[in-house]
Amino acid sequence: MITEIAEPLFQGFDANVEIHPAMNLEDLKSAISKFQKLSKS
């Protein structure tokens, strides 16, 4: 969804844009839990 919003805006300025997704705390906790479960199996 970020691309759909940002791309038309920055194309008008002929800009180069890099977007880097990041995890919030809830995402990180979920990922750690999943890795722990995988490492036990």
N, C-alpha and C. Protein backbone atom coordinates (compact mmCIF):
# COMPACT_ATOMS: atom_id res chain seq x y z
N MET A 1 0.82 -1.20 0.00
CA MET A 1 0.00 0.00 0.00
C MET A 1 0.87 1.27 0.00
N ILE A 2 2.03 1.17 0.58
CA ILE A 2 2.92 2.34 0.60
C ILE A 2 3.27 2.76 -0.82
N THR A 3 3.59 1.78 -1.65
CA THR A 3 3.97 2.08 -3.03
C THR A 3 2.85 2.78 -3.78
N GLU A 4 1.62 2.33 -3.58
CA GLU A 4 0.48 2.92 -4.28
C GLU A 4 0.31 4.39 -3.93
N ILE A 5 0.65 4.76 -2.72
CA ILE A 5 0.50 6.14 -2.28
C ILE A 5 1.72 6.97 -2.64
N ALA A 6 2.91 6.43 -2.35
CA ALA A 6 4.14 7.21 -2.50
C ALA A 6 4.61 7.36 -3.94
N GLU A 7 4.46 6.30 -4.73
CA GLU A 7 5.01 6.33 -6.09
C GLU A 7 4.48 7.49 -6.93
N PRO A 8 3.18 7.69 -7.04
CA PRO A 8 2.70 8.82 -7.86
C PRO A 8 3.18 10.18 -7.33
N LEU A 9 3.27 10.30 -6.01
CA LEU A 9 3.72 11.56 -5.42
C LEU A 9 5.15 11.87 -5.81
N PHE A 10 6.05 10.89 -5.64
CA PHE A 10 7.46 11.13 -5.91
C PHE A 10 7.79 11.13 -7.39
N GLN A 11 7.00 10.48 -8.22
CA GLN A 11 7.23 10.53 -9.66
C GLN A 11 7.07 11.96 -10.17
N GLY A 12 6.18 12.69 -9.55
CA GLY A 12 5.98 14.09 -9.95
C GLY A 12 7.20 14.94 -9.68
N PHE A 13 8.04 14.52 -8.73
CA PHE A 13 9.27 15.26 -8.40
C PHE A 13 10.50 14.64 -9.06
N ASP A 14 10.29 13.58 -9.87
CA ASP A 14 11.38 12.87 -10.52
C ASP A 14 12.41 12.41 -9.47
N ALA A 15 11.92 11.90 -8.35
CA ALA A 15 12.77 11.50 -7.23
C ALA A 15 13.01 9.99 -7.23
N ASN A 16 14.10 9.58 -6.62
CA ASN A 16 14.39 8.17 -6.36
C ASN A 16 14.07 7.92 -4.89
N VAL A 17 13.28 6.89 -4.64
CA VAL A 17 12.85 6.61 -3.27
C VAL A 17 13.11 5.15 -2.95
N GLU A 18 13.64 4.89 -1.75
CA GLU A 18 13.80 3.53 -1.24
C GLU A 18 12.92 3.38 -0.02
N ILE A 19 12.14 2.32 0.01
CA ILE A 19 11.25 2.06 1.14
C ILE A 19 11.72 0.78 1.82
N HIS A 20 11.92 0.85 3.13
CA HIS A 20 12.38 -0.29 3.91
C HIS A 20 11.35 -0.61 4.98
N PRO A 21 10.64 -1.73 4.83
CA PRO A 21 9.66 -2.10 5.85
C PRO A 21 10.37 -2.40 7.17
N ALA A 22 9.69 -2.13 8.25
CA ALA A 22 10.24 -2.38 9.58
C ALA A 22 9.19 -3.09 10.44
N MET A 23 9.66 -3.79 11.44
CA MET A 23 8.76 -4.51 12.35
C MET A 23 8.41 -3.62 13.54
N ASN A 24 7.18 -3.74 13.99
CA ASN A 24 6.84 -3.12 15.26
C ASN A 24 7.05 -4.16 16.36
N LEU A 25 6.83 -3.80 17.61
CA LEU A 25 7.10 -4.70 18.72
C LEU A 25 6.25 -5.97 18.65
N GLU A 26 5.01 -5.85 18.27
CA GLU A 26 4.13 -7.03 18.16
C GLU A 26 4.63 -7.99 17.08
N ASP A 27 5.06 -7.46 15.94
CA ASP A 27 5.61 -8.30 14.87
C ASP A 27 6.86 -9.03 15.35
N LEU A 28 7.73 -8.32 16.07
CA LEU A 28 8.97 -8.91 16.56
C LEU A 28 8.68 -10.03 17.55
N LYS A 29 7.77 -9.81 18.48
CA LYS A 29 7.41 -10.85 19.45
C LYS A 29 6.86 -12.08 18.75
N SER A 30 6.03 -11.88 17.75
CA SER A 30 5.46 -12.99 16.99
C SER A 30 6.55 -13.77 16.26
N ALA A 31 7.48 -13.07 15.64
CA ALA A 31 8.56 -13.71 14.90
C ALA A 31 9.46 -14.51 15.85
N ILE A 32 9.79 -13.95 17.00
CA ILE A 32 10.63 -14.66 17.97
C ILE A 32 9.95 -15.93 18.43
N SER A 33 8.67 -15.84 18.71
CA SER A 33 7.90 -17.01 19.14
C SER A 33 7.93 -18.10 18.07
N LYS A 34 7.74 -17.73 16.82
CA LYS A 34 7.76 -18.70 15.73
C LYS A 34 9.13 -19.33 15.56
N PHE A 35 10.20 -18.54 15.69
CA PHE A 35 11.54 -19.09 15.57
C PHE A 35 11.85 -20.06 16.71
N GLN A 36 11.37 -19.72 17.91
CA GLN A 36 11.59 -20.61 19.05
C GLN A 36 10.88 -21.94 18.84
N LYS A 37 9.67 -21.90 18.32
CA LYS A 37 8.92 -23.13 18.05
C LYS A 37 9.62 -23.97 16.99
N LEU A 38 10.16 -23.32 15.97
CA LEU A 38 10.85 -24.04 14.90
C LEU A 38 12.14 -24.68 15.41
N SER A 39 12.83 -23.99 16.29
CA SER A 39 14.10 -24.52 16.78
C SER A 39 13.91 -25.71 17.70
N LYS A 40 12.73 -25.85 18.30
CA LYS A 40 12.44 -26.97 19.20
C LYS A 40 12.02 -28.21 18.44
N SER A 41 11.59 -28.05 17.20
CA SER A 41 11.11 -29.22 16.43
C SER A 41 12.19 -29.84 15.60
